[in-house]
Protein backbone atom coordinates (compact mmCIF):
# COMPACT_ATOMS: atom_id res chain seq x y z
CA MET A 1 21.12 -15.48 -31.04
CA GLN A 2 21.50 -19.01 -32.70
CA GLN A 3 21.83 -20.58 -29.25
CA LEU A 4 18.66 -19.02 -28.23
CA LYS A 5 16.74 -19.95 -31.06
CA ALA A 6 17.55 -23.26 -30.81
CA TRP A 7 16.57 -23.68 -27.32
CA LEU A 8 13.46 -21.97 -28.11
CA GLU A 9 12.48 -24.65 -30.57
CA THR A 10 12.59 -27.06 -27.52
CA THR A 11 9.79 -25.03 -25.68
CA PRO A 12 6.36 -24.20 -25.86
CA TYR A 13 7.27 -21.28 -27.51
CA LYS A 14 8.86 -22.70 -30.80
CA GLU A 15 5.82 -20.94 -32.62
CA TYR A 16 6.35 -17.21 -31.46
CA THR A 17 7.95 -14.73 -33.63
CA LEU A 18 10.83 -13.49 -31.87
CA THR A 19 12.02 -9.71 -32.22
CA VAL A 20 14.53 -7.52 -30.01
CA ALA A 21 12.92 -5.95 -27.07
CA SER A 22 15.94 -4.10 -25.47
CA ALA A 23 19.26 -4.16 -23.88
CA ASP A 24 20.00 -2.66 -20.34
CA ALA A 25 23.28 -1.40 -18.88
CA SER A 26 24.62 -4.95 -18.18
CA PHE A 27 25.25 -7.54 -20.89
CA ARG A 28 21.45 -8.71 -20.47
CA LYS A 29 19.52 -8.73 -23.82
CA TYR A 30 15.58 -8.76 -24.16
CA TYR A 31 13.24 -10.32 -26.65
CA ARG A 32 9.80 -10.65 -27.14
CA LEU A 33 8.09 -13.62 -28.22
CA GLN A 34 4.35 -13.03 -29.57
CA THR A 35 1.76 -15.01 -31.22
CA ASN A 36 -1.96 -13.96 -31.63
CA ASN A 37 -2.48 -11.67 -28.74
CA LYS A 38 -0.09 -13.75 -26.46
CA SER A 39 3.28 -11.90 -25.69
CA VAL A 40 5.95 -12.70 -23.23
CA LEU A 41 9.70 -11.74 -23.02
CA VAL A 42 13.04 -13.74 -23.21
CA MET A 43 15.92 -12.65 -20.90
CA ASP A 44 18.96 -13.61 -22.23
CA ALA A 45 21.56 -13.51 -19.79
CA SER A 46 23.67 -16.05 -21.61
CA LEU A 47 26.51 -13.54 -21.10
CA GLU A 48 26.41 -13.15 -17.10
CA LYS A 49 24.80 -16.02 -16.17
CA GLU A 50 25.37 -15.54 -12.63
CA SER A 51 22.73 -12.69 -11.95
CA LEU A 52 19.83 -14.92 -13.00
CA THR A 53 20.02 -16.82 -9.42
CA PRO A 54 19.60 -13.13 -7.84
CA PHE A 55 16.79 -12.38 -10.25
CA LEU A 56 14.94 -15.19 -9.26
CA ASN A 57 15.43 -15.21 -5.61
CA ILE A 58 14.24 -11.36 -5.72
CA THR A 59 11.37 -12.30 -7.80
CA GLN A 60 9.85 -14.33 -5.31
CA ARG A 61 10.51 -12.22 -2.57
CA LEU A 62 8.38 -9.31 -4.25
CA LEU A 63 5.91 -11.76 -5.49
CA LYS A 64 5.38 -12.93 -1.90
CA ILE A 65 4.54 -9.21 -0.95
CA GLY A 66 2.05 -8.40 -3.42
CA VAL A 67 4.53 -6.51 -5.54
CA THR A 68 4.07 -6.79 -9.20
CA ALA A 69 7.21 -8.20 -10.57
CA PRO A 70 7.70 -10.60 -13.91
CA LYS A 71 6.13 -14.03 -13.31
CA ILE A 72 8.78 -16.55 -14.57
CA LEU A 73 7.06 -18.91 -17.02
CA LEU A 74 10.26 -21.05 -18.06
CA GLN A 75 13.87 -21.30 -17.25
CA ASN A 76 17.18 -22.25 -18.10
CA THR A 77 19.88 -21.32 -15.80
CA GLN A 78 22.28 -23.50 -17.63
CA LEU A 79 22.21 -21.66 -20.73
CA GLY A 80 21.22 -18.48 -19.16
CA TYR A 81 17.61 -17.97 -20.42
CA LEU A 82 13.99 -16.90 -18.58
CA VAL A 83 10.86 -16.65 -20.13
CA ILE A 84 9.20 -14.07 -17.97
CA GLU A 85 5.75 -11.95 -18.22
CA ASP A 86 5.61 -9.02 -20.60
CA PHE A 87 4.37 -5.87 -18.81
CA GLY A 88 4.79 -4.04 -22.13
CA ASN A 89 6.50 -1.19 -24.00
CA VAL A 90 5.26 1.74 -21.83
CA ASP A 91 7.92 2.92 -19.08
CA LEU A 92 6.94 5.37 -16.27
CA LEU A 93 9.79 7.56 -17.80
CA SER A 94 7.68 7.91 -21.11
CA THR A 95 4.44 8.59 -19.17
CA LEU A 96 5.43 11.46 -16.81
CA THR A 97 4.35 14.82 -17.42
CA ARG A 98 4.36 18.49 -15.26
CA ASN A 99 0.61 17.53 -14.84
CA ASN A 100 0.51 13.83 -13.87
CA PHE A 101 4.27 13.41 -11.83
CA GLN A 102 2.98 13.76 -8.35
CA THR A 103 0.08 11.40 -9.11
CA LEU A 104 2.39 8.66 -10.60
CA TYR A 105 5.32 9.12 -8.22
CA LYS A 106 2.50 8.38 -5.15
CA GLN A 107 1.84 5.15 -6.78
CA ALA A 108 5.18 4.33 -7.02
CA ILE A 109 6.30 5.61 -3.68
CA ASP A 110 3.10 3.23 -2.34
CA ILE A 111 5.56 0.67 -4.07
CA ILE A 112 8.49 1.29 -1.92
CA THR A 113 6.33 1.30 1.40
CA THR A 114 5.37 -2.18 0.50
CA MET A 115 9.00 -3.06 -0.66
CA ARG A 116 10.04 -2.32 2.71
CA HIS A 117 8.08 -5.59 3.98
CA ALA A 118 10.19 -7.67 1.60
CA ASP A 119 12.58 -10.46 2.99
CA ILE A 120 15.83 -9.37 3.22
CA SER A 121 17.47 -12.17 4.73
CA ASN A 122 20.84 -12.90 3.64
CA LEU A 123 20.95 -9.90 1.03
CA PRO A 124 24.15 -8.16 0.65
CA LEU A 125 24.70 -5.17 3.23
CA TYR A 126 24.87 -1.57 2.02
CA ASP A 127 27.43 -0.77 4.39
CA LYS A 128 30.21 2.06 4.59
CA GLU A 129 32.59 -0.12 2.51
CA PHE A 130 30.02 -0.68 -0.41
CA LEU A 131 28.89 2.98 -0.29
CA LEU A 132 32.47 4.31 -0.71
CA GLN A 133 33.53 1.86 -3.51
CA GLU A 134 30.63 2.79 -5.17
CA MET A 135 31.41 6.42 -4.74
CA ALA A 136 35.08 5.90 -5.92
CA LEU A 137 33.66 5.24 -9.45
CA MET A 138 33.40 8.90 -9.54
CA GLN A 139 36.87 10.12 -9.14
CA THR A 140 38.17 7.02 -11.42
CA TRP A 141 35.96 7.07 -14.36
CA TYR A 142 34.50 10.47 -14.35
CA LEU A 143 37.26 12.88 -13.01
CA GLU A 144 40.54 11.19 -14.10
CA LYS A 145 39.39 9.04 -17.23
CA LYS A 146 36.47 10.82 -18.89
CA LEU A 147 37.52 14.58 -17.95
CA THR A 148 41.30 13.65 -17.64
CA LEU A 149 41.62 15.81 -14.61
CA THR A 150 44.41 15.04 -12.40
CA LEU A 151 43.71 16.12 -8.43
CA SER A 152 46.05 17.88 -6.59
CA ASN A 153 47.01 16.09 -2.86
CA THR A 154 44.70 18.94 -1.40
CA GLN A 155 41.67 17.94 -3.52
CA HIS A 156 41.94 14.40 -3.42
CA ALA A 157 41.84 14.65 0.24
CA MET A 158 39.12 17.04 -0.12
CA VAL A 159 36.97 14.57 -2.18
CA GLN A 160 37.81 11.70 0.11
CA ASP A 161 36.86 13.31 3.37
CA THR A 162 33.38 14.60 1.58
CA LEU A 163 32.78 10.98 0.33
CA ASN A 164 33.57 9.67 4.05
CA THR A 165 31.09 12.33 5.50
CA ILE A 166 28.41 11.31 3.20
CA ALA A 167 28.65 7.88 3.75
CA ASP A 168 28.39 8.55 7.46
CA VAL A 169 25.28 10.53 7.14
CA VAL A 170 23.78 8.06 4.92
CA LEU A 171 24.22 5.39 7.70
CA GLN A 172 22.89 7.64 10.24
CA GLN A 173 18.90 6.83 8.87
CA PRO A 174 17.12 3.76 9.46
CA GLN A 175 18.77 0.63 8.02
CA ASN A 176 17.98 -3.04 7.25
CA CYS A 177 15.38 -1.85 4.71
CA PHE A 178 14.95 -4.02 1.19
CA VAL A 179 16.59 -1.72 -1.44
CA HIS A 180 15.79 -2.17 -4.86
CA ARG A 181 18.93 -0.06 -6.15
CA ASP A 182 17.47 1.22 -9.21
CA PHE A 183 13.96 2.37 -8.71
CA HIS A 184 13.78 4.98 -11.12
CA SER A 185 11.43 5.75 -14.06
CA ARG A 186 13.02 2.89 -16.74
CA ASN A 187 12.40 0.03 -14.77
CA ILE A 188 8.83 1.00 -13.78
CA MET A 189 6.34 -0.44 -16.23
CA VAL A 190 3.10 0.96 -16.88
CA LYS A 191 0.71 -1.77 -17.64
CA GLU A 192 -2.50 -1.87 -19.79
CA ASP A 193 -4.60 -1.31 -16.58
CA GLY A 194 -2.50 1.47 -15.33
CA GLY A 195 -0.91 -0.74 -12.38
CA PHE A 196 3.06 -0.66 -12.16
CA GLY A 197 5.49 -3.72 -12.85
CA ILE A 198 8.96 -3.50 -11.34
CA ILE A 199 11.61 -4.74 -13.23
CA ASP A 200 15.67 -4.87 -13.16
CA TYR A 201 16.08 -5.39 -9.27
CA GLN A 202 18.35 -8.29 -9.25
CA ASP A 203 21.17 -6.42 -7.28
CA ALA A 204 18.81 -5.54 -4.52
CA MET A 205 20.66 -5.28 -1.20
CA ASN A 206 19.81 -4.41 2.84
CA GLY A 207 20.53 -0.75 3.26
CA SER A 208 18.80 2.52 3.70
CA ILE A 209 15.24 3.76 4.01
CA THR A 210 15.43 6.76 1.27
CA TYR A 211 17.45 4.97 -1.23
CA ASP A 212 14.76 3.69 -3.22
CA LEU A 213 13.07 7.30 -2.55
CA VAL A 214 15.98 9.24 -4.07
CA SER A 215 16.33 6.67 -7.11
CA LEU A 216 12.65 7.47 -8.03
CA LEU A 217 12.33 11.23 -7.06
CA LYS A 218 16.03 12.68 -8.14
CA ASP A 219 15.75 10.54 -11.20
CA CYS A 220 18.77 10.63 -13.26
CA TYR A 221 16.70 10.87 -16.53
CA ILE A 222 13.74 13.17 -15.82
CA SER A 223 13.61 16.13 -13.32
CA PHE A 224 10.91 18.05 -11.76
CA GLU A 225 10.77 21.06 -9.17
CA PRO A 226 12.51 20.52 -6.32
CA LYS A 227 9.76 21.89 -3.61
CA ALA A 228 7.32 19.31 -5.47
CA ILE A 229 10.24 16.73 -5.03
CA GLU A 230 10.63 17.47 -1.35
CA GLU A 231 6.79 17.34 -0.76
CA LEU A 232 6.73 14.02 -2.42
CA ALA A 233 9.59 13.02 -0.16
CA LEU A 234 7.53 13.73 3.04
CA TYR A 235 4.82 11.89 1.82
CA PHE A 236 6.80 8.80 1.95
CA TYR A 237 8.04 10.17 5.25
CA GLU A 238 4.08 10.64 6.37
CA GLN A 239 3.11 7.07 4.79
CA ASN A 240 5.82 5.30 7.02
CA SER A 241 5.67 6.98 10.33
CA ILE A 242 9.29 7.47 10.28
CA ASN A 243 10.80 8.48 14.16
CA SER A 244 12.87 11.61 13.02
CA ALA A 245 12.24 15.34 12.72
CA LYS A 246 11.20 16.01 8.75
CA GLU A 247 14.33 18.55 8.98
CA GLU A 248 16.54 15.38 9.73
CA PHE A 249 14.74 13.09 6.97
CA LEU A 250 15.27 15.47 4.53
CA MET A 251 18.89 16.00 5.24
CA TRP A 252 19.08 11.88 5.01
CA PHE A 253 17.28 11.96 1.60
CA ASP A 254 19.70 14.58 0.23
CA PHE A 255 22.69 12.98 1.36
CA THR A 256 21.49 9.49 -0.11
CA GLY A 257 20.91 11.32 -3.50
CA MET A 258 24.50 13.09 -2.98
CA GLN A 259 25.95 9.22 -2.71
CA ARG A 260 23.66 7.82 -5.65
CA HIS A 261 24.41 10.68 -8.13
CA ILE A 262 28.46 10.66 -7.21
CA LYS A 263 28.45 6.85 -7.82
CA VAL A 264 26.24 7.12 -11.44
CA LEU A 265 28.58 10.16 -12.73
CA GLY A 266 31.28 7.09 -12.45
CA ILE A 267 28.67 4.56 -13.96
CA PHE A 268 27.88 6.37 -16.86
CA SER A 269 31.52 7.37 -17.65
CA ARG A 270 32.20 3.87 -17.49
CA LEU A 271 29.52 2.78 -19.24
CA SER A 272 30.97 4.95 -22.09
CA LEU A 273 34.67 4.26 -21.96
CA ARG A 274 35.05 0.97 -20.78
CA ASP A 275 31.64 -0.86 -22.58
CA ASN A 276 31.08 1.25 -25.42
CA LYS A 277 27.50 2.26 -24.41
CA HIS A 278 27.43 6.18 -24.97
CA GLY A 279 23.72 6.70 -24.39
CA TYR A 280 24.18 7.48 -20.92
CA LEU A 281 26.74 10.33 -21.41
CA LYS A 282 23.80 12.77 -22.12
CA ASP A 283 22.39 12.08 -18.65
CA ILE A 284 25.49 13.30 -17.03
CA PRO A 285 24.85 16.79 -17.01
CA LEU A 286 21.22 16.40 -14.83
CA THR A 287 23.05 14.02 -12.81
CA ARG A 288 25.89 16.49 -12.19
CA ASN A 289 23.41 19.10 -11.20
CA TYR A 290 21.63 17.46 -9.01
CA LEU A 291 24.63 16.88 -7.25
CA ILE A 292 26.44 20.21 -6.89
CA GLN A 293 23.12 21.57 -6.07
CA THR A 294 22.28 19.66 -3.19
CA ALA A 295 25.85 20.11 -2.12
CA LYS A 296 25.86 23.38 -2.03
CA LYS A 297 23.40 23.15 0.73
CA TYR A 298 25.34 21.37 3.35
CA LYS A 299 28.57 22.88 5.00
CA GLN A 300 30.14 19.62 4.85
CA THR A 301 29.79 19.32 0.81
CA GLN A 302 30.28 22.59 -0.28
CA SER A 303 33.79 22.20 -1.00
CA LEU A 304 32.61 19.49 -3.32
CA ALA A 305 30.08 21.54 -5.25
CA LEU A 306 32.57 24.51 -5.64
CA PHE A 307 35.20 22.22 -7.32
CA LEU A 308 32.97 20.49 -9.64
CA GLU A 309 31.28 23.77 -10.67
CA GLU A 310 35.07 25.32 -11.22
CA TYR A 311 36.39 21.87 -12.95
CA THR A 312 33.70 20.02 -14.41
CA PRO A 313 31.80 21.36 -17.87
């Protein structure tokens, strides 16, 4: 904090009042700088300076296609600080209700459609190796470390075979799409004019067409009726003129959801056990429920669903 304050003294923001805004699941922290009616944010990435380069890179790609990402007002990549546009305190999660979620989700889906036009050159590839690497987090951090389960050889083989099948189905859908990778209700800010500002996109990759859609509609922090979610998925399908049958598209959507939720079970457990961030533990039951209910629908994944029902709380 002292280093940050010392740097701010050398900037046009030295007269602004500094308050804590938020911290995310990484080692980044955010502060709000205010004076009179003006407000900006400081991103403090001094503990992971390497994240600034991709953040700056992806910001420019999104702004270029008209997506509302925060404008960069000042930067010091050597120290790990950015001053960026402030979208305010209201995220989509705090705005969603049973009455408005369809309208607001369509507004967010339209942004996903726009992001499909983003430049994907040189973005890391969301390939099978990476899909499996992410899903491996579930066994290591959720099953073995958090739940202290010891899988039998048969159970281990079943889990590995299922994860392999999930990755294969995820890769059957259209690829070479810009993927935000964490496009959920906490990373969509609702601005005063009702528009959405998008944040936390520095880990963007080149991957599957349904990934961001799943992140939004099968959000680990909130859920709505499955039938309504399916209708919203098909809204995206129609908007993007996807060359497949609806049933196939919904299968892709489901399998991508399973891949994400398997990964997230591992990540939430790791955040608690390794990083001492326990707030995400309360979101494990919903994530697990998404996974089990979806896995039950398909023959290839039913064994995993039954295992999770039997061996996890």
